[in-house]
Amino acid sequence: KSAIDSFLQGYVSVIGEHMTSEEKEMIPYSGIYMSAIMGYR
């Protein structure tokens, strides 16, 4: 969990001001989404 928090801290600190509210809302789904896609593939 601390690694996830660290990545998001670094990522959002740089580009957060350019992100839409919907993009920020979907962040909690993002890791699930990409893990599922890779599992499917």
ModelCIF file with pLDDT and N, C-alpha, C, O atoms, coordinates in Angstrom:
data_MODEL
#
_entry.id   MODEL 
#
_entity.id                         1 
_entity.type                       polymer 
_entity.pdbx_number_of_molecules   1 
#
_entity_poly.entity_id                      1 
_entity_poly.type                           'polypeptide(L)' 
_entity_poly.nstd_linkage                   no 
_entity_poly.nstd_monomer                   no 
_entity_poly.pdbx_seq_one_letter_code       KSAIDSFLQGYVSVIGEHMTSEEKEMIPYSGIYMSAIMGYR 
_entity_poly.pdbx_seq_one_letter_code_can   KSAIDSFLQGYVSVIGEHMTSEEKEMIPYSGIYMSAIMGYR 
_entity_poly.pdbx_strand_id                 A 
#
loop_
_entity_poly_seq.entity_id 
_entity_poly_seq.num 
_entity_poly_seq.mon_id 
_entity_poly_seq.hetero 
1 1  LYS n 
1 2  SER n 
1 3  ALA n 
1 4  ILE n 
1 5  ASP n 
1 6  SER n 
1 7  PHE n 
1 8  LEU n 
1 9  GLN n 
1 10 GLY n 
1 11 TYR n 
1 12 VAL n 
1 13 SER n 
1 14 VAL n 
1 15 ILE n 
1 16 GLY n 
1 17 GLU n 
1 18 HIS n 
1 19 MET n 
1 20 THR n 
1 21 SER n 
1 22 GLU n 
1 23 GLU n 
1 24 LYS n 
1 25 GLU n 
1 26 MET n 
1 27 ILE n 
1 28 PRO n 
1 29 TYR n 
1 30 SER n 
1 31 GLY n 
1 32 ILE n 
1 33 TYR n 
1 34 MET n 
1 35 SER n 
1 36 ALA n 
1 37 ILE n 
1 38 MET n 
1 39 GLY n 
1 40 TYR n 
1 41 ARG n 
#
_struct_asym.id          A 
_struct_asym.entity_id   1 
#
loop_
_ma_qa_metric.id 
_ma_qa_metric.mode 
_ma_qa_metric.name 
_ma_qa_metric.software_group_id 
_ma_qa_metric.type 
1 global pLDDT . pLDDT 
2 local  pLDDT . pLDDT 
#
_ma_qa_metric_global.metric_id      1 
_ma_qa_metric_global.metric_value   97.00 
_ma_qa_metric_global.model_id       1 
_ma_qa_metric_global.ordinal_id     1 
#
loop_
_ma_qa_metric_local.label_asym_id 
_ma_qa_metric_local.label_comp_id 
_ma_qa_metric_local.label_seq_id 
_ma_qa_metric_local.metric_id 
_ma_qa_metric_local.metric_value 
_ma_qa_metric_local.model_id 
_ma_qa_metric_local.ordinal_id 
A LYS 1  2 94.00 1 1  
A SER 2  2 95.00 1 2  
A ALA 3  2 96.00 1 3  
A ILE 4  2 96.00 1 4  
A ASP 5  2 96.00 1 5  
A SER 6  2 97.00 1 6  
A PHE 7  2 97.00 1 7  
A LEU 8  2 98.00 1 8  
A GLN 9  2 97.00 1 9  
A GLY 10 2 98.00 1 10 
A TYR 11 2 98.00 1 11 
A VAL 12 2 98.00 1 12 
A SER 13 2 98.00 1 13 
A VAL 14 2 98.00 1 14 
A ILE 15 2 98.00 1 15 
A GLY 16 2 97.00 1 16 
A GLU 17 2 97.00 1 17 
A HIS 18 2 97.00 1 18 
A MET 19 2 97.00 1 19 
A THR 20 2 96.00 1 20 
A SER 21 2 95.00 1 21 
A GLU 22 2 96.00 1 22 
A GLU 23 2 97.00 1 23 
A LYS 24 2 96.00 1 24 
A GLU 25 2 96.00 1 25 
A MET 26 2 96.00 1 26 
A ILE 27 2 96.00 1 27 
A PRO 28 2 96.00 1 28 
A TYR 29 2 97.00 1 29 
A SER 30 2 97.00 1 30 
A GLY 31 2 97.00 1 31 
A ILE 32 2 98.00 1 32 
A TYR 33 2 98.00 1 33 
A MET 34 2 98.00 1 34 
A SER 35 2 98.00 1 35 
A ALA 36 2 98.00 1 36 
A ILE 37 2 98.00 1 37 
A MET 38 2 98.00 1 38 
A GLY 39 2 98.00 1 39 
A TYR 40 2 98.00 1 40 
A ARG 41 2 98.00 1 41 
#
loop_
_atom_site.group_PDB 
_atom_site.id 
_atom_site.type_symbol 
_atom_site.label_atom_id 
_atom_site.label_alt_id 
_atom_site.label_comp_id 
_atom_site.label_asym_id 
_atom_site.label_entity_id 
_atom_site.label_seq_id 
_atom_site.pdbx_PDB_ins_code 
_atom_site.Cartn_x 
_atom_site.Cartn_y 
_atom_site.Cartn_z 
_atom_site.occupancy 
_atom_site.B_iso_or_equiv 
_atom_site.pdbx_formal_charge 
_atom_site.auth_seq_id 
_atom_site.auth_comp_id 
_atom_site.auth_asym_id 
_atom_site.auth_atom_id 
_atom_site.pdbx_PDB_model_num 
ATOM 1   N N  . LYS A 1 1  ? 0.828   -1.214  0.000   1.00 94.00 ? 1  LYS A N  1 
ATOM 2   C CA . LYS A 1 1  ? 0.000   0.000   0.000   1.00 94.00 ? 1  LYS A CA 1 
ATOM 3   C C  . LYS A 1 1  ? 0.862   1.263   0.000   1.00 94.00 ? 1  LYS A C  1 
ATOM 4   O O  . LYS A 1 1  ? 0.515   2.246   -0.654  1.00 94.00 ? 1  LYS A O  1 
ATOM 5   N N  . SER A 1 2  ? 1.973   1.247   0.721   1.00 95.00 ? 2  SER A N  1 
ATOM 6   C CA . SER A 1 2  ? 2.811   2.445   0.771   1.00 95.00 ? 2  SER A CA 1 
ATOM 7   C C  . SER A 1 2  ? 3.446   2.728   -0.584  1.00 95.00 ? 2  SER A C  1 
ATOM 8   O O  . SER A 1 2  ? 3.649   3.889   -0.940  1.00 95.00 ? 2  SER A O  1 
ATOM 9   N N  . ALA A 1 3  ? 3.767   1.667   -1.357  1.00 96.00 ? 3  ALA A N  1 
ATOM 10  C CA . ALA A 1 3  ? 4.312   1.867   -2.699  1.00 96.00 ? 3  ALA A CA 1 
ATOM 11  C C  . ALA A 1 3  ? 3.259   2.488   -3.613  1.00 96.00 ? 3  ALA A C  1 
ATOM 12  O O  . ALA A 1 3  ? 3.562   3.384   -4.400  1.00 96.00 ? 3  ALA A O  1 
ATOM 13  N N  . ILE A 1 4  ? 2.027   2.009   -3.505  1.00 96.00 ? 4  ILE A N  1 
ATOM 14  C CA . ILE A 1 4  ? 0.938   2.572   -4.306  1.00 96.00 ? 4  ILE A CA 1 
ATOM 15  C C  . ILE A 1 4  ? 0.741   4.041   -3.971  1.00 96.00 ? 4  ILE A C  1 
ATOM 16  O O  . ILE A 1 4  ? 0.604   4.878   -4.863  1.00 96.00 ? 4  ILE A O  1 
ATOM 17  N N  . ASP A 1 5  ? 0.728   4.347   -2.679  1.00 96.00 ? 5  ASP A N  1 
ATOM 18  C CA . ASP A 1 5  ? 0.564   5.742   -2.258  1.00 96.00 ? 5  ASP A CA 1 
ATOM 19  C C  . ASP A 1 5  ? 1.715   6.608   -2.769  1.00 96.00 ? 5  ASP A C  1 
ATOM 20  O O  . ASP A 1 5  ? 1.507   7.752   -3.173  1.00 96.00 ? 5  ASP A O  1 
ATOM 21  N N  . SER A 1 6  ? 2.927   6.055   -2.749  1.00 97.00 ? 6  SER A N  1 
ATOM 22  C CA . SER A 1 6  ? 4.095   6.823   -3.206  1.00 97.00 ? 6  SER A CA 1 
ATOM 23  C C  . SER A 1 6  ? 4.010   7.111   -4.697  1.00 97.00 ? 6  SER A C  1 
ATOM 24  O O  . SER A 1 6  ? 4.291   8.229   -5.128  1.00 97.00 ? 6  SER A O  1 
ATOM 25  N N  . PHE A 1 7  ? 3.624   6.113   -5.490  1.00 97.00 ? 7  PHE A N  1 
ATOM 26  C CA . PHE A 1 7  ? 3.501   6.351   -6.930  1.00 97.00 ? 7  PHE A CA 1 
ATOM 27  C C  . PHE A 1 7  ? 2.461   7.426   -7.199  1.00 97.00 ? 7  PHE A C  1 
ATOM 28  O O  . PHE A 1 7  ? 2.713   8.363   -7.957  1.00 97.00 ? 7  PHE A O  1 
ATOM 29  N N  . LEU A 1 8  ? 1.298   7.295   -6.582  1.00 98.00 ? 8  LEU A N  1 
ATOM 30  C CA . LEU A 1 8  ? 0.230   8.265   -6.827  1.00 98.00 ? 8  LEU A CA 1 
ATOM 31  C C  . LEU A 1 8  ? 0.630   9.653   -6.360  1.00 98.00 ? 8  LEU A C  1 
ATOM 32  O O  . LEU A 1 8  ? 0.287   10.645  -7.004  1.00 98.00 ? 8  LEU A O  1 
ATOM 33  N N  . GLN A 1 9  ? 1.346   9.735   -5.256  1.00 97.00 ? 9  GLN A N  1 
ATOM 34  C CA . GLN A 1 9  ? 1.821   11.037  -4.782  1.00 97.00 ? 9  GLN A CA 1 
ATOM 35  C C  . GLN A 1 9  ? 2.708   11.696  -5.840  1.00 97.00 ? 9  GLN A C  1 
ATOM 36  O O  . GLN A 1 9  ? 2.533   12.871  -6.165  1.00 97.00 ? 9  GLN A O  1 
ATOM 37  N N  . GLY A 1 10 ? 3.665   10.924  -6.373  1.00 98.00 ? 10 GLY A N  1 
ATOM 38  C CA . GLY A 1 10 ? 4.557   11.473  -7.385  1.00 98.00 ? 10 GLY A CA 1 
ATOM 39  C C  . GLY A 1 10 ? 3.825   11.818  -8.670  1.00 98.00 ? 10 GLY A C  1 
ATOM 40  O O  . GLY A 1 10 ? 4.064   12.873  -9.257  1.00 98.00 ? 10 GLY A O  1 
ATOM 41  N N  . TYR A 1 11 ? 2.940   10.944  -9.109  1.00 98.00 ? 11 TYR A N  1 
ATOM 42  C CA . TYR A 1 11 ? 2.251   11.132  -10.380 1.00 98.00 ? 11 TYR A CA 1 
ATOM 43  C C  . TYR A 1 11 ? 1.322   12.342  -10.326 1.00 98.00 ? 11 TYR A C  1 
ATOM 44  O O  . TYR A 1 11 ? 1.371   13.213  -11.195 1.00 98.00 ? 11 TYR A O  1 
ATOM 45  N N  . VAL A 1 12 ? 0.475   12.386  -9.295  1.00 98.00 ? 12 VAL A N  1 
ATOM 46  C CA . VAL A 1 12 ? -0.530  13.453  -9.213  1.00 98.00 ? 12 VAL A CA 1 
ATOM 47  C C  . VAL A 1 12 ? 0.123   14.802  -8.922  1.00 98.00 ? 12 VAL A C  1 
ATOM 48  O O  . VAL A 1 12 ? -0.384  15.839  -9.351  1.00 98.00 ? 12 VAL A O  1 
ATOM 49  N N  . SER A 1 13 ? 1.245   14.800  -8.196  1.00 98.00 ? 13 SER A N  1 
ATOM 50  C CA . SER A 1 13 ? 1.915   16.076  -7.910  1.00 98.00 ? 13 SER A CA 1 
ATOM 51  C C  . SER A 1 13 ? 2.383   16.765  -9.183  1.00 98.00 ? 13 SER A C  1 
ATOM 52  O O  . SER A 1 13 ? 2.492   17.990  -9.223  1.00 98.00 ? 13 SER A O  1 
ATOM 53  N N  . VAL A 1 14 ? 2.662   15.982  -10.228 1.00 98.00 ? 14 VAL A N  1 
ATOM 54  C CA . VAL A 1 14 ? 3.169   16.530  -11.492 1.00 98.00 ? 14 VAL A CA 1 
ATOM 55  C C  . VAL A 1 14 ? 2.038   16.902  -12.441 1.00 98.00 ? 14 VAL A C  1 
ATOM 56  O O  . VAL A 1 14 ? 2.061   17.973  -13.048 1.00 98.00 ? 14 VAL A O  1 
ATOM 57  N N  . ILE A 1 15 ? 1.058   16.031  -12.568 1.00 98.00 ? 15 ILE A N  1 
ATOM 58  C CA . ILE A 1 15 ? 0.055   16.212  -13.628 1.00 98.00 ? 15 ILE A CA 1 
ATOM 59  C C  . ILE A 1 15 ? -1.358  16.400  -13.089 1.00 98.00 ? 15 ILE A C  1 
ATOM 60  O O  . ILE A 1 15 ? -2.305  16.550  -13.861 1.00 98.00 ? 15 ILE A O  1 
ATOM 61  N N  . GLY A 1 16 ? -1.500  16.392  -11.771 1.00 97.00 ? 16 GLY A N  1 
ATOM 62  C CA . GLY A 1 16 ? -2.833  16.470  -11.170 1.00 97.00 ? 16 GLY A CA 1 
ATOM 63  C C  . GLY A 1 16 ? -3.647  17.663  -11.609 1.00 97.00 ? 16 GLY A C  1 
ATOM 64  O O  . GLY A 1 16 ? -4.861  17.553  -11.785 1.00 97.00 ? 16 GLY A O  1 
ATOM 65  N N  . GLU A 1 17 ? -3.001  18.807  -11.789 1.00 97.00 ? 17 GLU A N  1 
ATOM 66  C CA . GLU A 1 17 ? -3.737  20.010  -12.179 1.00 97.00 ? 17 GLU A CA 1 
ATOM 67  C C  . GLU A 1 17 ? -4.330  19.892  -13.578 1.00 97.00 ? 17 GLU A C  1 
ATOM 68  O O  . GLU A 1 17 ? -5.247  20.636  -13.925 1.00 97.00 ? 17 GLU A O  1 
ATOM 69  N N  . HIS A 1 18 ? -3.817  18.966  -14.381 1.00 97.00 ? 18 HIS A N  1 
ATOM 70  C CA . HIS A 1 18 ? -4.325  18.771  -15.738 1.00 97.00 ? 18 HIS A CA 1 
ATOM 71  C C  . HIS A 1 18 ? -5.359  17.637  -15.808 1.00 97.00 ? 18 HIS A C  1 
ATOM 72  O O  . HIS A 1 18 ? -5.969  17.422  -16.855 1.00 97.00 ? 18 HIS A O  1 
ATOM 73  N N  . MET A 1 19 ? -5.554  16.920  -14.709 1.00 97.00 ? 19 MET A N  1 
ATOM 74  C CA . MET A 1 19 ? -6.484  15.793  -14.711 1.00 97.00 ? 19 MET A CA 1 
ATOM 75  C C  . MET A 1 19 ? -7.918  16.259  -14.478 1.00 97.00 ? 19 MET A C  1 
ATOM 76  O O  . MET A 1 19 ? -8.159  17.184  -13.703 1.00 97.00 ? 19 MET A O  1 
ATOM 77  N N  . THR A 1 20 ? -8.853  15.623  -15.144 1.00 96.00 ? 20 THR A N  1 
ATOM 78  C CA . THR A 1 20 ? -10.267 15.929  -14.928 1.00 96.00 ? 20 THR A CA 1 
ATOM 79  C C  . THR A 1 20 ? -10.747 15.240  -13.649 1.00 96.00 ? 20 THR A C  1 
ATOM 80  O O  . THR A 1 20 ? -10.080 14.349  -13.123 1.00 96.00 ? 20 THR A O  1 
ATOM 81  N N  . SER A 1 21 ? -11.895 15.660  -13.165 1.00 95.00 ? 21 SER A N  1 
ATOM 82  C CA . SER A 1 21 ? -12.464 15.038  -11.963 1.00 95.00 ? 21 SER A CA 1 
ATOM 83  C C  . SER A 1 21 ? -12.785 13.572  -12.217 1.00 95.00 ? 21 SER A C  1 
ATOM 84  O O  . SER A 1 21 ? -12.681 12.744  -11.312 1.00 95.00 ? 21 SER A O  1 
ATOM 85  N N  . GLU A 1 22 ? -13.178 13.246  -13.461 1.00 96.00 ? 22 GLU A N  1 
ATOM 86  C CA . GLU A 1 22 ? -13.486 11.849  -13.788 1.00 96.00 ? 22 GLU A CA 1 
ATOM 87  C C  . GLU A 1 22 ? -12.220 10.989  -13.776 1.00 96.00 ? 22 GLU A C  1 
ATOM 88  O O  . GLU A 1 22 ? -12.255 9.846   -13.320 1.00 96.00 ? 22 GLU A O  1 
ATOM 89  N N  . GLU A 1 23 ? -11.112 11.524  -14.269 1.00 97.00 ? 23 GLU A N  1 
ATOM 90  C CA . GLU A 1 23 ? -9.860  10.780  -14.225 1.00 97.00 ? 23 GLU A CA 1 
ATOM 91  C C  . GLU A 1 23 ? -9.459  10.491  -12.781 1.00 97.00 ? 23 GLU A C  1 
ATOM 92  O O  . GLU A 1 23 ? -9.051  9.375   -12.461 1.00 97.00 ? 23 GLU A O  1 
ATOM 93  N N  . LYS A 1 24 ? -9.573  11.478  -11.922 1.00 96.00 ? 24 LYS A N  1 
ATOM 94  C CA . LYS A 1 24 ? -9.231  11.285  -10.516 1.00 96.00 ? 24 LYS A CA 1 
ATOM 95  C C  . LYS A 1 24 ? -10.186 10.289  -9.853  1.00 96.00 ? 24 LYS A C  1 
ATOM 96  O O  . LYS A 1 24 ? -9.779  9.493   -9.007  1.00 96.00 ? 24 LYS A O  1 
ATOM 97  N N  . GLU A 1 25 ? -11.447 10.344  -10.244 1.00 96.00 ? 25 GLU A N  1 
ATOM 98  C CA . GLU A 1 25 ? -12.442 9.433   -9.680  1.00 96.00 ? 25 GLU A CA 1 
ATOM 99  C C  . GLU A 1 25 ? -12.141 7.973   -10.024 1.00 96.00 ? 25 GLU A C  1 
ATOM 100 O O  . GLU A 1 25 ? -12.445 7.071   -9.243  1.00 96.00 ? 25 GLU A O  1 
ATOM 101 N N  . MET A 1 26 ? -11.550 7.749   -11.180 1.00 96.00 ? 26 MET A N  1 
ATOM 102 C CA . MET A 1 26 ? -11.288 6.385   -11.640 1.00 96.00 ? 26 MET A CA 1 
ATOM 103 C C  . MET A 1 26 ? -9.946  5.824   -11.177 1.00 96.00 ? 26 MET A C  1 
ATOM 104 O O  . MET A 1 26 ? -9.645  4.662   -11.452 1.00 96.00 ? 26 MET A O  1 
ATOM 105 N N  . ILE A 1 27 ? -9.142  6.612   -10.489 1.00 96.00 ? 27 ILE A N  1 
ATOM 106 C CA . ILE A 1 27 ? -7.839  6.120   -10.030 1.00 96.00 ? 27 ILE A CA 1 
ATOM 107 C C  . ILE A 1 27 ? -7.964  4.836   -9.205  1.00 96.00 ? 27 ILE A C  1 
ATOM 108 O O  . ILE A 1 27 ? -7.175  3.918   -9.425  1.00 96.00 ? 27 ILE A O  1 
ATOM 109 N N  . PRO A 1 28 ? -8.914  4.721   -8.266  1.00 96.00 ? 28 PRO A N  1 
ATOM 110 C CA . PRO A 1 28 ? -9.006  3.475   -7.487  1.00 96.00 ? 28 PRO A CA 1 
ATOM 111 C C  . PRO A 1 28 ? -9.314  2.241   -8.338  1.00 96.00 ? 28 PRO A C  1 
ATOM 112 O O  . PRO A 1 28 ? -9.038  1.118   -7.918  1.00 96.00 ? 28 PRO A O  1 
ATOM 113 N N  . TYR A 1 29 ? -9.876  2.439   -9.518  1.00 97.00 ? 29 TYR A N  1 
ATOM 114 C CA . TYR A 1 29 ? -10.173 1.311   -10.414 1.00 97.00 ? 29 TYR A CA 1 
ATOM 115 C C  . TYR A 1 29 ? -8.989  0.961   -11.314 1.00 97.00 ? 29 TYR A C  1 
ATOM 116 O O  . TYR A 1 29 ? -8.957  -0.114  -11.913 1.00 97.00 ? 29 TYR A O  1 
ATOM 117 N N  . SER A 1 30 ? -8.027  1.860   -11.407 1.00 97.00 ? 30 SER A N  1 
ATOM 118 C CA . SER A 1 30 ? -7.009  1.735   -12.455 1.00 97.00 ? 30 SER A CA 1 
ATOM 119 C C  . SER A 1 30 ? -6.164  0.472   -12.331 1.00 97.00 ? 30 SER A C  1 
ATOM 120 O O  . SER A 1 30 ? -5.945  -0.221  -13.324 1.00 97.00 ? 30 SER A O  1 
ATOM 121 N N  . GLY A 1 31 ? -5.688  0.162   -11.128 1.00 97.00 ? 31 GLY A N  1 
ATOM 122 C CA . GLY A 1 31 ? -4.874  -1.039  -10.945 1.00 97.00 ? 31 GLY A CA 1 
ATOM 123 C C  . GLY A 1 31 ? -5.661  -2.308  -11.195 1.00 97.00 ? 31 GLY A C  1 
ATOM 124 O O  . GLY A 1 31 ? -5.135  -3.276  -11.744 1.00 97.00 ? 31 GLY A O  1 
ATOM 125 N N  . ILE A 1 32 ? -6.921  -2.304  -10.793 1.00 98.00 ? 32 ILE A N  1 
ATOM 126 C CA . ILE A 1 32 ? -7.792  -3.464  -11.048 1.00 98.00 ? 32 ILE A CA 1 
ATOM 127 C C  . ILE A 1 32 ? -7.980  -3.633  -12.546 1.00 98.00 ? 32 ILE A C  1 
ATOM 128 O O  . ILE A 1 32 ? -7.893  -4.743  -13.071 1.00 98.00 ? 32 ILE A O  1 
ATOM 129 N N  . TYR A 1 33 ? -8.239  -2.528  -13.229 1.00 98.00 ? 33 TYR A N  1 
ATOM 130 C CA . TYR A 1 33 ? -8.492  -2.544  -14.671 1.00 98.00 ? 33 TYR A CA 1 
ATOM 131 C C  . TYR A 1 33 ? -7.316  -3.159  -15.422 1.00 98.00 ? 33 TYR A C  1 
ATOM 132 O O  . TYR A 1 33 ? -7.500  -4.053  -16.248 1.00 98.00 ? 33 TYR A O  1 
ATOM 133 N N  . MET A 1 34 ? -6.114  -2.681  -15.137 1.00 98.00 ? 34 MET A N  1 
ATOM 134 C CA . MET A 1 34 ? -4.960  -3.163  -15.885 1.00 98.00 ? 34 MET A CA 1 
ATOM 135 C C  . MET A 1 34 ? -4.562  -4.584  -15.470 1.00 98.00 ? 34 MET A C  1 
ATOM 136 O O  . MET A 1 34 ? -4.098  -5.356  -16.308 1.00 98.00 ? 34 MET A O  1 
ATOM 137 N N  . SER A 1 35 ? -4.734  -4.939  -14.206 1.00 98.00 ? 35 SER A N  1 
ATOM 138 C CA . SER A 1 35 ? -4.457  -6.316  -13.786 1.00 98.00 ? 35 SER A CA 1 
ATOM 139 C C  . SER A 1 35 ? -5.432  -7.278  -14.451 1.00 98.00 ? 35 SER A C  1 
ATOM 140 O O  . SER A 1 35 ? -5.043  -8.362  -14.886 1.00 98.00 ? 35 SER A O  1 
ATOM 141 N N  . ALA A 1 36 ? -6.705  -6.881  -14.530 1.00 98.00 ? 36 ALA A N  1 
ATOM 142 C CA . ALA A 1 36 ? -7.710  -7.722  -15.178 1.00 98.00 ? 36 ALA A CA 1 
ATOM 143 C C  . ALA A 1 36 ? -7.401  -7.892  -16.666 1.00 98.00 ? 36 ALA A C  1 
ATOM 144 O O  . ALA A 1 36 ? -7.479  -8.999  -17.197 1.00 98.00 ? 36 ALA A O  1 
ATOM 145 N N  . ILE A 1 37 ? -7.053  -6.802  -17.328 1.00 98.00 ? 37 ILE A N  1 
ATOM 146 C CA . ILE A 1 37 ? -6.717  -6.888  -18.759 1.00 98.00 ? 37 ILE A CA 1 
ATOM 147 C C  . ILE A 1 37 ? -5.559  -7.846  -18.980 1.00 98.00 ? 37 ILE A C  1 
ATOM 148 O O  . ILE A 1 37 ? -5.606  -8.684  -19.881 1.00 98.00 ? 37 ILE A O  1 
ATOM 149 N N  . MET A 1 38 ? -4.524  -7.729  -18.165 1.00 98.00 ? 38 MET A N  1 
ATOM 150 C CA . MET A 1 38 ? -3.374  -8.625  -18.335 1.00 98.00 ? 38 MET A CA 1 
ATOM 151 C C  . MET A 1 38 ? -3.760  -10.059 -18.017 1.00 98.00 ? 38 MET A C  1 
ATOM 152 O O  . MET A 1 38 ? -3.301  -10.985 -18.685 1.00 98.00 ? 38 MET A O  1 
ATOM 153 N N  . GLY A 1 39 ? -4.593  -10.254 -17.009 1.00 98.00 ? 39 GLY A N  1 
ATOM 154 C CA . GLY A 1 39 ? -5.080  -11.603 -16.718 1.00 98.00 ? 39 GLY A CA 1 
ATOM 155 C C  . GLY A 1 39 ? -5.849  -12.185 -17.882 1.00 98.00 ? 39 GLY A C  1 
ATOM 156 O O  . GLY A 1 39 ? -5.645  -13.342 -18.249 1.00 98.00 ? 39 GLY A O  1 
ATOM 157 N N  . TYR A 1 40 ? -6.745  -11.380 -18.477 1.00 98.00 ? 40 TYR A N  1 
ATOM 158 C CA . TYR A 1 40 ? -7.499  -11.829 -19.655 1.00 98.00 ? 40 TYR A CA 1 
ATOM 159 C C  . TYR A 1 40 ? -6.561  -12.197 -20.800 1.00 98.00 ? 40 TYR A C  1 
ATOM 160 O O  . TYR A 1 40 ? -6.722  -13.236 -21.440 1.00 98.00 ? 40 TYR A O  1 
ATOM 161 N N  . ARG A 1 41 ? -5.582  -11.336 -21.046 1.00 98.00 ? 41 ARG A N  1 
ATOM 162 C CA . ARG A 1 41 ? -4.695  -11.548 -22.192 1.00 98.00 ? 41 ARG A CA 1 
ATOM 163 C C  . ARG A 1 41 ? -3.813  -12.783 -22.007 1.00 98.00 ? 41 ARG A C  1 
ATOM 164 O O  . ARG A 1 41 ? -3.008  -13.104 -22.881 1.00 98.00 ? 41 ARG A O  1 
#
